[in-house]
Structures are given as C-alpha cells and as structure tokens.
C-alpha atoms as a PDB file:
ATOM      1  CA  UNK A   1     -93.581 140.346  64.270  1.00  0.00           C
ATOM      2  CA  UNK A   2     -94.757 143.511  62.580  1.00  0.00           C
ATOM      3  CA  UNK A   3     -94.327 147.121  63.523  1.00  0.00           C
ATOM      4  CA  UNK A   4     -97.548 148.502  64.960  1.00  0.00           C
ATOM      5  CA  UNK A   5     -98.508 152.095  64.399  1.00  0.00           C
ATOM      6  CA  UNK A   6    -100.631 154.015  66.840  1.00  0.00           C
ATOM      7  CA  UNK A   7    -104.136 155.261  66.060  1.00  0.00           C
ATOM      8  CA  UNK A   8    -104.472 158.515  64.123  1.00  0.00           C
ATOM      9  CA  UNK A   9    -103.142 161.528  65.983  1.00  0.00           C
ATOM     10  CA  UNK A  10    -105.332 164.346  67.231  1.00  0.00           C
ATOM     11  CA  UNK A  11    -104.371 167.997  66.883  1.00  0.00           C
ATOM     12  CA  UNK A  12    -103.652 168.027  70.649  1.00  0.00           C
ATOM     13  CA  UNK A  13    -100.909 165.418  70.174  1.00  0.00           C
ATOM     14  CA  UNK A  14     -98.570 166.471  67.359  1.00  0.00           C
ATOM     15  CA  UNK A  15     -96.131 163.586  67.835  1.00  0.00           C
ATOM     16  CA  UNK A  16     -96.334 160.397  65.794  1.00  0.00           C
ATOM     17  CA  UNK A  17     -96.133 157.156  67.784  1.00  0.00           C
ATOM     18  CA  UNK A  18     -95.193 153.658  66.666  1.00  0.00           C
ATOM     19  CA  UNK A  19     -93.475 150.605  68.119  1.00  0.00           C
ATOM     20  CA  UNK A  20     -90.706 148.230  67.138  1.00  0.00           C
ATOM     21  CA  UNK A  21     -90.735 144.423  67.123  1.00  0.00           C
ATOM     22  CA  UNK A  22     -88.496 142.402  69.481  1.00  0.00           C
ATOM     23  CA  UNK A  23     -85.771 142.044  66.848  1.00  0.00           C
ATOM     24  CA  UNK A  24     -84.324 144.854  64.776  1.00  0.00           C
ATOM     25  CA  UNK A  25     -82.025 142.944  62.485  1.00  0.00           C
ATOM     26  CA  UNK A  26     -81.596 141.732  58.929  1.00  0.00           C
ATOM     27  CA  UNK A  27     -84.800 139.696  59.109  1.00  0.00           C
ATOM     28  CA  UNK A  28     -87.013 142.670  60.046  1.00  0.00           C
ATOM     29  CA  UNK A  29     -85.320 145.854  58.826  1.00  0.00           C
ATOM     30  CA  UNK A  30     -87.048 146.063  55.446  1.00  0.00           C
ATOM     31  CA  UNK A  31     -90.502 146.181  57.034  1.00  0.00           C
ATOM     32  CA  UNK A  32     -89.318 148.367  59.922  1.00  0.00           C
ATOM     33  CA  UNK A  33     -87.591 150.873  57.609  1.00  0.00           C
ATOM     34  CA  UNK A  34     -90.683 151.192  55.407  1.00  0.00           C
ATOM     35  CA  UNK A  35     -93.024 151.583  58.384  1.00  0.00           C
ATOM     36  CA  UNK A  36     -90.848 154.162  60.153  1.00  0.00           C
ATOM     37  CA  UNK A  37     -90.342 156.259  57.016  1.00  0.00           C
ATOM     38  CA  UNK A  38     -94.086 156.090  56.313  1.00  0.00           C
ATOM     39  CA  UNK A  39     -94.792 157.185  59.886  1.00  0.00           C
ATOM     40  CA  UNK A  40     -92.354 160.090  59.508  1.00  0.00           C
ATOM     41  CA  UNK A  41     -94.168 161.112  56.313  1.00  0.00           C
ATOM     42  CA  UNK A  42     -97.575 161.048  58.036  1.00  0.00           C
ATOM     43  CA  UNK A  43     -97.269 164.334  59.913  1.00  0.00           C
ATOM     44  CA  UNK A  44     -95.116 167.222  61.052  1.00  0.00           C
ATOM     45  CA  UNK A  45     -94.406 166.160  64.650  1.00  0.00           C
ATOM     46  CA  UNK A  46     -91.563 164.211  66.196  1.00  0.00           C
ATOM     47  CA  UNK A  47     -91.506 160.449  65.661  1.00  0.00           C
ATOM     48  CA  UNK A  48     -91.680 158.688  69.044  1.00  0.00           C
ATOM     49  CA  UNK A  49     -90.767 155.010  68.701  1.00  0.00           C
ATOM     50  CA  UNK A  50     -91.628 152.582  71.498  1.00  0.00           C
ATOM     51  CA  UNK A  51     -88.497 150.447  71.942  1.00  0.00           C
ATOM     52  CA  UNK A  52     -89.649 148.660  75.095  1.00  0.00           C
ATOM     53  CA  UNK A  53     -90.118 145.316  73.308  1.00  0.00           C
ATOM     54  CA  UNK A  54     -86.764 145.399  71.489  1.00  0.00           C
ATOM     55  CA  UNK A  55     -84.459 142.636  72.693  1.00  0.00           C
ATOM     56  CA  UNK A  56     -81.908 142.420  69.865  1.00  0.00           C
ATOM     57  CA  UNK A  57     -80.425 144.974  67.483  1.00  0.00           C
ATOM     58  CA  UNK A  58     -77.670 144.337  64.958  1.00  0.00           C
ATOM     59  CA  UNK A  59     -75.570 146.701  62.835  1.00  0.00           C
ATOM     60  CA  UNK A  60     -78.203 146.813  60.103  1.00  0.00           C
ATOM     61  CA  UNK A  61     -80.858 147.818  62.643  1.00  0.00           C
ATOM     62  CA  UNK A  62     -78.596 150.524  64.044  1.00  0.00           C
ATOM     63  CA  UNK A  63     -78.101 151.803  60.502  1.00  0.00           C
ATOM     64  CA  UNK A  64     -81.863 152.108  60.002  1.00  0.00           C
ATOM     65  CA  UNK A  65     -82.195 154.125  63.212  1.00  0.00           C
ATOM     66  CA  UNK A  66     -79.279 156.413  62.332  1.00  0.00           C
ATOM     67  CA  UNK A  67     -80.634 156.962  58.811  1.00  0.00           C
ATOM     68  CA  UNK A  68     -84.072 157.801  60.138  1.00  0.00           C
ATOM     69  CA  UNK A  69     -82.537 160.118  62.749  1.00  0.00           C
ATOM     70  CA  UNK A  70     -80.642 161.980  60.011  1.00  0.00           C
ATOM     71  CA  UNK A  71     -83.748 162.310  57.872  1.00  0.00           C
ATOM     72  CA  UNK A  72     -85.839 163.599  60.787  1.00  0.00           C
ATOM     73  CA  UNK A  73     -83.072 166.035  61.779  1.00  0.00           C
ATOM     74  CA  UNK A  74     -82.842 167.360  58.215  1.00  0.00           C
ATOM     75  CA  UNK A  75     -86.585 168.088  58.394  1.00  0.00           C
ATOM     76  CA  UNK A  76     -86.218 169.911  61.726  1.00  0.00           C
ATOM     77  CA  UNK A  77     -87.797 167.049  63.671  1.00  0.00           C
ATOM     78  CA  UNK A  78     -86.647 164.396  66.120  1.00  0.00           C
ATOM     79  CA  UNK A  79     -86.601 160.626  66.231  1.00  0.00           C
ATOM     80  CA  UNK A  80     -87.230 159.770  69.898  1.00  0.00           C
ATOM     81  CA  UNK A  81     -86.459 156.218  71.022  1.00  0.00           C
ATOM     82  CA  UNK A  82     -88.709 155.655  74.010  1.00  0.00           C
ATOM     83  CA  UNK A  83     -88.166 153.223  76.867  1.00  0.00           C
ATOM     84  CA  UNK A  84     -85.317 151.082  75.504  1.00  0.00           C
ATOM     85  CA  UNK A  85     -84.369 148.086  77.641  1.00  0.00           C
ATOM     86  CA  UNK A  86     -81.058 148.185  79.557  1.00  0.00           C
ATOM     87  CA  UNK A  87     -79.458 145.770  77.096  1.00  0.00           C
ATOM     88  CA  UNK A  88     -80.297 148.067  74.186  1.00  0.00           C
ATOM     89  CA  UNK A  89     -79.126 151.119  76.149  1.00  0.00           C
ATOM     90  CA  UNK A  90     -75.759 149.416  76.661  1.00  0.00           C
ATOM     91  CA  UNK A  91     -75.501 148.816  72.909  1.00  0.00           C
ATOM     92  CA  UNK A  92     -76.173 152.502  72.244  1.00  0.00           C
ATOM     93  CA  UNK A  93     -73.522 153.426  74.839  1.00  0.00           C
ATOM     94  CA  UNK A  94     -70.904 151.051  73.416  1.00  0.00           C
ATOM     95  CA  UNK A  95     -71.489 152.381  69.901  1.00  0.00           C
ATOM     96  CA  UNK A  96     -71.686 155.945  71.272  1.00  0.00           C
ATOM     97  CA  UNK A  97     -75.036 156.405  69.563  1.00  0.00           C
ATOM     98  CA  UNK A  98     -76.462 157.566  72.907  1.00  0.00           C
ATOM     99  CA  UNK A  99     -74.708 160.862  72.065  1.00  0.00           C
ATOM    100  CA  UNK A 100     -76.542 161.160  68.748  1.00  0.00           C
ATOM    101  CA  UNK A 101     -79.955 159.537  69.152  1.00  0.00           C
ATOM    102  CA  UNK A 102     -82.667 160.930  71.427  1.00  0.00           C
ATOM    103  CA  UNK A 103     -83.283 158.300  74.107  1.00  0.00           C
ATOM    104  CA  UNK A 104     -86.078 158.946  76.585  1.00  0.00           C
ATOM    105  CA  UNK A 105     -87.938 157.093  79.290  1.00  0.00           C
ATOM    106  CA  UNK A 106     -91.617 157.515  80.207  1.00  0.00           C
ATOM    107  CA  UNK A 107     -92.608 159.485  77.099  1.00  0.00           C
ATOM    108  CA  UNK A 108     -95.196 157.030  75.829  1.00  0.00           C
ATOM    109  CA  UNK A 109     -98.895 157.851  76.125  1.00  0.00           C
ATOM    110  CA  UNK A 110    -100.823 155.847  78.717  1.00  0.00           C
END
C-alpha cells in the first residue's frame, strides 16, 4: 500500500505525476506526506496526483492535502487531484475543499 511515483519526467512534460493508495488516513499519511513532498521537491512543474484508487480519506488525510496545496501555492505551483472517485468528491464538497483544491478529471497521461 505504498505511493507510486511515475517514471522520470521529460522536458516535454513539466508536471510531476504520482498516485495515492486506497486509504489516506492515519495509517498511511506519514508515507504519503513524505512521498508527496519529495515529489514536489523533484521539479518545477505542477504536482498531479492520481486519486482514482482512493476509497477512504479521513481528517488527517485531508490535512496532508491542504498542507501540500498551501506549499505548492506558495511556490507558484498547483497540486492537482486527478480523477477522484465520486465518494471522495462528495467528501471534498461537504468539507468545501472543492473550492480550494484543484480537482480535475482526465488529466492523467495514457
């Protein structure tokens, strides 16, 4: 249940891509936080995170995403949460984070 990072980026693709495990909660956030911050440090582009496998997110997981969003924003970049499942989208809507976080569909490379 680890976070997988994409292969090294080419100059034609400035964004950084990685994916999240099925659970973003107290049991996984330490590894996820470290991996996402490392990915953000690896280049100047936006960080595009594949959320398609995420089934459960708790308050701690939301905090990691908000913290990473703030850090990316402070650096003039974006954290893009790609292809979240409807259940996760509802959570973002209920918490009103859909107004803050960048949620996108169909932005992942083929």
